[in-house]
């Protein structure tokens, strides 16, 4: 199970449910790798207003050479409703999985990223056409559905 640290509060959700959902998503996405991962989730007011995005995932440990990242931070707009907050959390945790497994490598130079050893530039390809965003968008729906099924059985 991943180590999840939650900072901030959401208007319409309990912190406990957010933390439980994050652990559930990590376990489904990363299985064995999950136990070696630390994820700090920060719920921020006005995050969307300041960044024009609902969530963002970044690695926070320093291993630029080998890209063996195990510490991450996710920032999410605190004022989202429960469904969108959990779907955004799931989406960003897909990116955590991508970084942890080296599927997605931030080249730390402009808008260049490497996905499965192929270089992409967001300015050329476009956000919605980036393969890691396509995966995250698809998996967020699946993860949210699994979470709801899990909750209904409790």
N, C-alpha and C. Protein backbone atom coordinates (compact mmCIF):
# COMPACT_ATOMS: atom_id res chain seq x y z
N UNK A 1 0.84 -1.18 0.00
CA UNK A 1 0.00 0.00 0.00
C UNK A 1 0.88 1.25 0.00
N UNK A 2 0.57 2.18 -0.85
CA UNK A 2 1.33 3.43 -0.95
C UNK A 2 1.16 4.26 0.32
N UNK A 3 2.15 5.04 0.63
CA UNK A 3 2.04 5.98 1.73
C UNK A 3 1.41 7.25 1.17
N UNK A 4 0.24 7.61 1.70
CA UNK A 4 -0.50 8.77 1.22
C UNK A 4 -0.53 9.81 2.33
N UNK A 5 -0.14 11.03 2.01
CA UNK A 5 -0.26 12.15 2.95
C UNK A 5 -1.18 13.17 2.31
N UNK A 6 -2.16 13.61 3.07
CA UNK A 6 -3.17 14.53 2.55
C UNK A 6 -3.07 15.86 3.27
N UNK A 7 -3.02 16.94 2.50
CA UNK A 7 -2.94 18.29 3.05
C UNK A 7 -4.09 19.11 2.50
N UNK A 8 -4.69 19.94 3.34
CA UNK A 8 -5.80 20.77 2.92
C UNK A 8 -7.12 20.06 3.11
N UNK A 9 -8.19 20.77 2.82
CA UNK A 9 -9.53 20.20 2.97
C UNK A 9 -10.35 20.47 1.72
N UNK A 10 -11.29 19.58 1.48
CA UNK A 10 -12.22 19.73 0.37
C UNK A 10 -13.55 20.19 0.94
N UNK A 11 -14.25 21.04 0.22
CA UNK A 11 -15.53 21.55 0.69
C UNK A 11 -16.57 20.46 0.86
N UNK A 12 -16.59 19.51 -0.08
CA UNK A 12 -17.71 18.58 -0.15
C UNK A 12 -17.34 17.13 0.11
N UNK A 13 -16.16 16.87 0.66
CA UNK A 13 -15.73 15.49 0.90
C UNK A 13 -14.96 15.38 2.19
N UNK A 14 -15.05 14.22 2.81
CA UNK A 14 -14.26 13.94 4.00
C UNK A 14 -12.85 13.54 3.59
N UNK A 15 -11.90 13.98 4.39
CA UNK A 15 -10.50 13.66 4.13
C UNK A 15 -10.28 12.15 4.11
N UNK A 16 -10.95 11.44 5.01
CA UNK A 16 -10.80 9.99 5.10
C UNK A 16 -11.12 9.31 3.77
N UNK A 17 -12.21 9.71 3.13
CA UNK A 17 -12.59 9.09 1.86
C UNK A 17 -11.57 9.39 0.76
N UNK A 18 -11.05 10.60 0.74
CA UNK A 18 -10.05 10.97 -0.27
C UNK A 18 -8.80 10.10 -0.10
N UNK A 19 -8.36 9.96 1.15
CA UNK A 19 -7.16 9.17 1.43
C UNK A 19 -7.39 7.69 1.10
N UNK A 20 -8.55 7.16 1.46
CA UNK A 20 -8.87 5.76 1.15
C UNK A 20 -8.93 5.54 -0.37
N UNK A 21 -9.52 6.48 -1.08
CA UNK A 21 -9.60 6.36 -2.54
C UNK A 21 -8.20 6.40 -3.15
N UNK A 22 -7.35 7.28 -2.65
CA UNK A 22 -5.98 7.37 -3.17
C UNK A 22 -5.24 6.04 -2.98
N UNK A 23 -5.38 5.43 -1.81
CA UNK A 23 -4.74 4.13 -1.56
C UNK A 23 -5.30 3.06 -2.49
N UNK A 24 -6.62 3.06 -2.65
CA UNK A 24 -7.29 2.10 -3.54
C UNK A 24 -6.78 2.26 -4.98
N UNK A 25 -6.72 3.49 -5.46
CA UNK A 25 -6.25 3.74 -6.83
C UNK A 25 -4.80 3.29 -7.00
N UNK A 26 -3.95 3.63 -6.03
CA UNK A 26 -2.53 3.24 -6.11
C UNK A 26 -2.39 1.72 -6.16
N UNK A 27 -3.13 1.03 -5.30
CA UNK A 27 -3.04 -0.43 -5.28
C UNK A 27 -3.46 -1.03 -6.61
N UNK A 28 -4.48 -0.46 -7.24
CA UNK A 28 -4.94 -0.97 -8.53
C UNK A 28 -3.97 -0.63 -9.67
N UNK A 29 -3.33 0.50 -9.57
CA UNK A 29 -2.44 0.94 -10.65
C UNK A 29 -1.04 0.35 -10.56
N UNK A 30 -0.53 0.21 -9.34
CA UNK A 30 0.89 -0.11 -9.20
C UNK A 30 1.19 -1.42 -8.50
N UNK A 31 0.21 -2.07 -7.94
CA UNK A 31 0.36 -3.36 -7.27
C UNK A 31 1.60 -3.40 -6.38
N UNK A 32 2.60 -4.20 -6.73
CA UNK A 32 3.79 -4.36 -5.88
C UNK A 32 4.56 -3.06 -5.68
N UNK A 33 4.64 -2.25 -6.71
CA UNK A 33 5.40 -1.00 -6.64
C UNK A 33 4.77 -0.02 -5.64
N UNK A 34 3.49 -0.16 -5.41
CA UNK A 34 2.74 0.76 -4.58
C UNK A 34 3.35 0.93 -3.19
N UNK A 35 3.86 -0.14 -2.60
CA UNK A 35 4.39 -0.07 -1.23
C UNK A 35 5.65 0.79 -1.12
N UNK A 36 6.30 1.08 -2.23
CA UNK A 36 7.52 1.88 -2.23
C UNK A 36 7.29 3.34 -2.63
N UNK A 37 6.03 3.73 -2.72
CA UNK A 37 5.70 5.06 -3.24
C UNK A 37 5.11 5.94 -2.14
N UNK A 38 5.56 7.19 -2.12
CA UNK A 38 5.00 8.22 -1.24
C UNK A 38 4.31 9.25 -2.12
N UNK A 39 3.04 9.52 -1.82
CA UNK A 39 2.28 10.51 -2.58
C UNK A 39 1.72 11.54 -1.60
N UNK A 40 2.09 12.79 -1.82
CA UNK A 40 1.51 13.89 -1.05
C UNK A 40 0.42 14.51 -1.91
N UNK A 41 -0.79 14.52 -1.38
CA UNK A 41 -1.93 15.10 -2.09
C UNK A 41 -2.26 16.42 -1.41
N UNK A 42 -2.20 17.49 -2.19
CA UNK A 42 -2.50 18.83 -1.66
C UNK A 42 -3.77 19.35 -2.31
N UNK A 43 -4.77 19.60 -1.48
CA UNK A 43 -6.02 20.20 -1.96
C UNK A 43 -5.86 21.71 -1.84
N UNK A 44 -5.94 22.40 -2.96
CA UNK A 44 -5.65 23.83 -2.98
C UNK A 44 -6.83 24.64 -3.49
N UNK A 45 -7.18 25.63 -2.72
CA UNK A 45 -8.20 26.57 -3.18
C UNK A 45 -7.62 27.43 -4.29
N UNK A 46 -8.43 27.75 -5.27
CA UNK A 46 -8.02 28.58 -6.41
C UNK A 46 -6.95 27.94 -7.29
N UNK A 47 -6.75 26.64 -7.16
CA UNK A 47 -5.75 25.98 -8.00
C UNK A 47 -6.11 26.12 -9.48
N UNK A 48 -7.37 25.89 -9.81
CA UNK A 48 -7.80 26.03 -11.20
C UNK A 48 -7.64 27.47 -11.69
N UNK A 49 -8.03 28.40 -10.86
CA UNK A 49 -7.93 29.82 -11.23
C UNK A 49 -6.48 30.21 -11.53
N UNK A 50 -5.56 29.67 -10.75
CA UNK A 50 -4.15 30.03 -10.90
C UNK A 50 -3.41 29.24 -11.98
N UNK A 51 -3.87 28.03 -12.29
CA UNK A 51 -3.12 27.17 -13.21
C UNK A 51 -3.88 26.77 -14.47
N UNK A 52 -5.19 26.96 -14.46
CA UNK A 52 -6.06 26.53 -15.57
C UNK A 52 -6.10 25.01 -15.72
N UNK A 53 -5.82 24.30 -14.63
CA UNK A 53 -6.01 22.84 -14.63
C UNK A 53 -6.56 22.42 -13.27
N UNK A 54 -7.28 21.31 -13.26
CA UNK A 54 -7.92 20.83 -12.03
C UNK A 54 -6.96 20.02 -11.16
N UNK A 55 -5.93 19.45 -11.77
CA UNK A 55 -4.97 18.67 -11.01
C UNK A 55 -3.64 18.60 -11.73
N UNK A 56 -2.60 18.29 -10.95
CA UNK A 56 -1.26 18.20 -11.52
C UNK A 56 -0.44 17.22 -10.67
N UNK A 57 0.30 16.35 -11.32
CA UNK A 57 1.18 15.40 -10.61
C UNK A 57 2.62 15.67 -11.01
N UNK A 58 3.50 15.69 -10.02
CA UNK A 58 4.93 15.87 -10.28
C UNK A 58 5.73 14.95 -9.35
N UNK A 59 6.92 14.58 -9.78
CA UNK A 59 7.81 13.85 -8.88
C UNK A 59 8.57 14.86 -8.06
N UNK A 60 8.90 14.51 -6.82
CA UNK A 60 9.55 15.46 -5.93
C UNK A 60 10.92 14.97 -5.46
N UNK A 61 11.24 13.70 -5.69
CA UNK A 61 12.57 13.24 -5.31
C UNK A 61 13.55 13.59 -6.43
N UNK A 62 14.81 13.62 -6.08
CA UNK A 62 15.82 14.04 -7.05
C UNK A 62 16.55 12.80 -7.58
N UNK A 63 16.17 12.39 -8.76
CA UNK A 63 16.87 11.31 -9.46
C UNK A 63 16.71 11.57 -10.96
N UNK A 64 17.15 12.73 -11.37
CA UNK A 64 16.96 13.16 -12.76
C UNK A 64 17.70 12.25 -13.72
N UNK A 65 18.85 11.73 -13.31
CA UNK A 65 19.64 10.90 -14.22
C UNK A 65 18.97 9.55 -14.51
N UNK A 66 18.51 8.85 -13.48
CA UNK A 66 17.96 7.50 -13.65
C UNK A 66 16.44 7.45 -13.71
N UNK A 67 15.79 8.52 -13.29
CA UNK A 67 14.33 8.61 -13.31
C UNK A 67 13.66 7.53 -12.46
N UNK A 68 14.31 7.13 -11.36
CA UNK A 68 13.72 6.16 -10.43
C UNK A 68 12.92 6.90 -9.37
N UNK A 69 11.85 7.50 -9.77
CA UNK A 69 11.08 8.35 -8.86
C UNK A 69 10.14 7.51 -8.00
N UNK A 70 10.10 7.86 -6.70
CA UNK A 70 9.22 7.18 -5.75
C UNK A 70 8.47 8.16 -4.86
N UNK A 71 8.77 9.44 -4.97
CA UNK A 71 8.07 10.46 -4.17
C UNK A 71 7.41 11.45 -5.11
N UNK A 72 6.12 11.70 -4.85
CA UNK A 72 5.32 12.49 -5.77
C UNK A 72 4.43 13.46 -5.01
N UNK A 73 4.03 14.50 -5.71
CA UNK A 73 3.06 15.45 -5.16
C UNK A 73 1.96 15.64 -6.19
N UNK A 74 0.74 15.58 -5.70
CA UNK A 74 -0.43 15.85 -6.54
C UNK A 74 -1.12 17.06 -5.95
N UNK A 75 -1.43 18.03 -6.81
CA UNK A 75 -2.21 19.19 -6.40
C UNK A 75 -3.55 19.13 -7.11
N UNK A 76 -4.63 19.37 -6.35
CA UNK A 76 -5.98 19.29 -6.89
C UNK A 76 -6.79 20.49 -6.40
N UNK A 77 -7.63 20.98 -7.28
CA UNK A 77 -8.57 22.05 -6.91
C UNK A 77 -9.46 21.57 -5.77
N UNK A 78 -9.44 22.30 -4.66
CA UNK A 78 -10.18 21.89 -3.45
C UNK A 78 -11.69 22.04 -3.58
N UNK A 79 -12.16 22.88 -4.47
CA UNK A 79 -13.60 23.15 -4.56
C UNK A 79 -14.34 22.24 -5.53
N UNK A 80 -13.69 21.21 -6.04
CA UNK A 80 -14.39 20.28 -6.93
C UNK A 80 -15.41 19.46 -6.13
N UNK A 81 -16.48 19.06 -6.80
CA UNK A 81 -17.45 18.16 -6.19
C UNK A 81 -16.83 16.78 -6.02
N UNK A 82 -17.46 15.91 -5.24
CA UNK A 82 -16.87 14.60 -4.93
C UNK A 82 -16.51 13.76 -6.16
N UNK A 83 -17.38 13.68 -7.15
CA UNK A 83 -17.10 12.85 -8.32
C UNK A 83 -15.89 13.38 -9.07
N UNK A 84 -15.87 14.67 -9.35
CA UNK A 84 -14.76 15.24 -10.12
C UNK A 84 -13.46 15.25 -9.32
N UNK A 85 -13.56 15.43 -8.01
CA UNK A 85 -12.35 15.40 -7.20
C UNK A 85 -11.72 14.00 -7.26
N UNK A 86 -12.53 12.96 -7.08
CA UNK A 86 -12.00 11.60 -7.10
C UNK A 86 -11.53 11.19 -8.50
N UNK A 87 -12.23 11.63 -9.52
CA UNK A 87 -11.77 11.32 -10.88
C UNK A 87 -10.46 12.04 -11.20
N UNK A 88 -10.33 13.28 -10.73
CA UNK A 88 -9.08 14.02 -10.92
C UNK A 88 -7.95 13.34 -10.16
N UNK A 89 -8.23 12.91 -8.93
CA UNK A 89 -7.24 12.18 -8.14
C UNK A 89 -6.80 10.91 -8.88
N UNK A 90 -7.76 10.16 -9.40
CA UNK A 90 -7.43 8.94 -10.15
C UNK A 90 -6.58 9.27 -11.37
N UNK A 91 -6.96 10.31 -12.10
CA UNK A 91 -6.22 10.74 -13.30
C UNK A 91 -4.76 11.05 -12.94
N UNK A 92 -4.57 11.83 -11.89
CA UNK A 92 -3.21 12.22 -11.51
C UNK A 92 -2.41 11.03 -10.98
N UNK A 93 -3.08 10.09 -10.33
CA UNK A 93 -2.37 8.89 -9.87
C UNK A 93 -1.96 7.99 -11.02
N UNK A 94 -2.67 8.05 -12.13
CA UNK A 94 -2.21 7.34 -13.33
C UNK A 94 -0.87 7.93 -13.76
N UNK A 95 -0.74 9.25 -13.69
CA UNK A 95 0.54 9.88 -14.04
C UNK A 95 1.64 9.47 -13.04
N UNK A 96 1.29 9.35 -11.77
CA UNK A 96 2.26 8.87 -10.78
C UNK A 96 2.75 7.48 -11.19
N UNK A 97 1.83 6.61 -11.55
CA UNK A 97 2.19 5.26 -12.01
C UNK A 97 3.11 5.34 -13.22
N UNK A 98 2.79 6.23 -14.16
CA UNK A 98 3.59 6.37 -15.38
C UNK A 98 5.02 6.81 -15.05
N UNK A 99 5.15 7.77 -14.14
CA UNK A 99 6.49 8.22 -13.73
C UNK A 99 7.23 7.11 -12.97
N UNK A 100 6.54 6.45 -12.04
CA UNK A 100 7.18 5.42 -11.21
C UNK A 100 7.67 4.25 -12.05
N UNK A 101 6.95 3.91 -13.09
CA UNK A 101 7.34 2.79 -13.96
C UNK A 101 8.21 3.23 -15.15
N UNK A 102 8.55 4.49 -15.19
CA UNK A 102 9.37 5.07 -16.26
C UNK A 102 8.70 4.98 -17.63
N UNK A 103 7.39 4.89 -17.64
CA UNK A 103 6.67 4.96 -18.91
C UNK A 103 6.69 6.39 -19.42
N UNK A 104 6.60 7.33 -18.48
CA UNK A 104 6.63 8.76 -18.78
C UNK A 104 7.86 9.36 -18.12
N UNK A 105 8.68 10.03 -18.90
CA UNK A 105 9.91 10.65 -18.39
C UNK A 105 9.88 12.12 -18.77
N UNK A 106 9.95 12.97 -17.75
CA UNK A 106 10.01 14.41 -17.97
C UNK A 106 11.44 14.76 -18.36
N UNK A 107 11.62 15.32 -19.53
CA UNK A 107 12.96 15.62 -20.02
C UNK A 107 13.53 16.91 -19.43
N UNK A 108 12.75 17.60 -18.62
CA UNK A 108 13.21 18.81 -17.93
C UNK A 108 13.75 19.86 -18.90
N UNK A 109 13.19 19.89 -20.09
CA UNK A 109 13.60 20.91 -21.06
C UNK A 109 12.40 21.29 -21.92
N UNK A 110 11.84 22.43 -21.64
CA UNK A 110 10.69 22.89 -22.41
C UNK A 110 9.49 21.97 -22.24
N UNK A 111 8.80 21.72 -23.30
CA UNK A 111 7.61 20.87 -23.26
C UNK A 111 7.89 19.45 -23.74
N UNK A 112 9.11 18.99 -23.60
CA UNK A 112 9.45 17.65 -24.07
C UNK A 112 9.26 16.61 -22.97
N UNK A 113 8.62 15.53 -23.35
CA UNK A 113 8.43 14.37 -22.47
C UNK A 113 8.73 13.13 -23.30
N UNK A 114 9.15 12.07 -22.62
CA UNK A 114 9.36 10.81 -23.32
C UNK A 114 8.33 9.81 -22.82
N UNK A 115 7.62 9.20 -23.76
CA UNK A 115 6.61 8.18 -23.45
C UNK A 115 7.04 6.88 -24.10
N UNK A 116 7.33 5.88 -23.26
CA UNK A 116 7.78 4.59 -23.77
C UNK A 116 8.89 4.74 -24.82
N UNK A 117 9.86 5.59 -24.47
CA UNK A 117 11.08 5.83 -25.26
C UNK A 117 10.86 6.61 -26.56
N UNK A 118 9.71 7.24 -26.68
CA UNK A 118 9.44 8.09 -27.85
C UNK A 118 9.27 9.52 -27.34
N UNK A 119 9.98 10.47 -27.94
CA UNK A 119 9.94 11.87 -27.52
C UNK A 119 8.70 12.56 -28.08
N UNK A 120 8.04 13.36 -27.23
CA UNK A 120 6.87 14.14 -27.62
C UNK A 120 7.04 15.58 -27.17
N UNK A 121 6.49 16.49 -27.96
CA UNK A 121 6.42 17.90 -27.59
C UNK A 121 4.95 18.28 -27.57
N UNK A 122 4.46 18.67 -26.39
CA UNK A 122 3.04 19.01 -26.24
C UNK A 122 2.60 20.12 -27.19
N UNK A 123 3.48 21.07 -27.46
CA UNK A 123 3.13 22.17 -28.36
C UNK A 123 2.85 21.68 -29.78
N UNK A 124 3.50 20.61 -30.18
CA UNK A 124 3.32 20.07 -31.53
C UNK A 124 2.17 19.07 -31.57
N UNK A 125 2.15 18.15 -30.61
CA UNK A 125 1.16 17.06 -30.60
C UNK A 125 -0.20 17.54 -30.12
N UNK A 126 -0.22 18.44 -29.15
CA UNK A 126 -1.47 18.88 -28.54
C UNK A 126 -1.81 18.03 -27.33
N UNK A 127 -2.29 18.67 -26.28
CA UNK A 127 -2.54 18.02 -24.99
C UNK A 127 -3.39 16.76 -25.12
N UNK A 128 -4.51 16.85 -25.79
CA UNK A 128 -5.45 15.72 -25.87
C UNK A 128 -4.92 14.54 -26.69
N UNK A 129 -3.89 14.77 -27.49
CA UNK A 129 -3.31 13.69 -28.30
C UNK A 129 -2.10 13.03 -27.65
N UNK A 130 -1.69 13.51 -26.49
CA UNK A 130 -0.54 12.91 -25.82
C UNK A 130 -0.94 11.54 -25.28
N UNK A 131 -0.16 10.51 -25.55
CA UNK A 131 -0.56 9.16 -25.16
C UNK A 131 -0.73 8.97 -23.65
N UNK A 132 0.07 9.66 -22.84
CA UNK A 132 -0.08 9.51 -21.39
C UNK A 132 -1.36 10.18 -20.89
N UNK A 133 -1.81 11.22 -21.57
CA UNK A 133 -3.08 11.85 -21.20
C UNK A 133 -4.26 10.99 -21.64
N UNK A 134 -4.12 10.34 -22.79
CA UNK A 134 -5.17 9.42 -23.24
C UNK A 134 -5.33 8.28 -22.24
N UNK A 135 -4.20 7.73 -21.80
CA UNK A 135 -4.29 6.65 -20.81
C UNK A 135 -4.92 7.14 -19.51
N UNK A 136 -4.47 8.30 -19.02
CA UNK A 136 -4.98 8.82 -17.75
C UNK A 136 -6.48 9.12 -17.84
N UNK A 137 -6.92 9.67 -18.95
CA UNK A 137 -8.35 9.97 -19.12
C UNK A 137 -9.19 8.70 -19.13
N UNK A 138 -8.71 7.69 -19.80
CA UNK A 138 -9.45 6.44 -19.84
C UNK A 138 -9.45 5.71 -18.51
N UNK A 139 -8.32 5.66 -17.86
CA UNK A 139 -8.21 4.91 -16.60
C UNK A 139 -8.92 5.60 -15.46
N UNK A 140 -9.03 6.95 -15.49
CA UNK A 140 -9.71 7.64 -14.39
C UNK A 140 -11.16 7.18 -14.27
N UNK A 141 -11.82 6.97 -15.40
CA UNK A 141 -13.22 6.52 -15.40
C UNK A 141 -13.32 5.11 -14.84
N UNK A 142 -12.44 4.25 -15.31
CA UNK A 142 -12.42 2.85 -14.85
C UNK A 142 -12.15 2.78 -13.34
N UNK A 143 -11.16 3.53 -12.86
CA UNK A 143 -10.81 3.53 -11.44
C UNK A 143 -11.95 4.06 -10.58
N UNK A 144 -12.59 5.13 -11.04
CA UNK A 144 -13.71 5.68 -10.28
C UNK A 144 -14.85 4.67 -10.19
N UNK A 145 -15.13 3.99 -11.29
CA UNK A 145 -16.19 2.97 -11.29
C UNK A 145 -15.84 1.84 -10.31
N UNK A 146 -14.61 1.37 -10.32
CA UNK A 146 -14.17 0.33 -9.39
C UNK A 146 -14.26 0.79 -7.94
N UNK A 147 -13.92 2.05 -7.70
CA UNK A 147 -14.00 2.62 -6.35
C UNK A 147 -15.45 2.62 -5.86
N UNK A 148 -16.37 3.05 -6.71
CA UNK A 148 -17.79 3.08 -6.34
C UNK A 148 -18.31 1.66 -6.06
N UNK A 149 -17.91 0.70 -6.88
CA UNK A 149 -18.31 -0.70 -6.65
C UNK A 149 -17.77 -1.19 -5.31
N UNK A 150 -16.52 -0.87 -5.04
CA UNK A 150 -15.89 -1.25 -3.77
C UNK A 150 -16.64 -0.63 -2.60
N UNK A 151 -17.00 0.63 -2.71
CA UNK A 151 -17.72 1.32 -1.63
C UNK A 151 -19.11 0.73 -1.41
N UNK A 152 -19.76 0.32 -2.47
CA UNK A 152 -21.12 -0.22 -2.33
C UNK A 152 -21.13 -1.58 -1.63
N UNK A 153 -20.00 -2.28 -1.64
CA UNK A 153 -19.91 -3.59 -0.99
C UNK A 153 -19.59 -3.48 0.50
N UNK A 154 -19.21 -2.30 0.95
CA UNK A 154 -18.86 -2.13 2.38
C UNK A 154 -20.08 -1.98 3.25
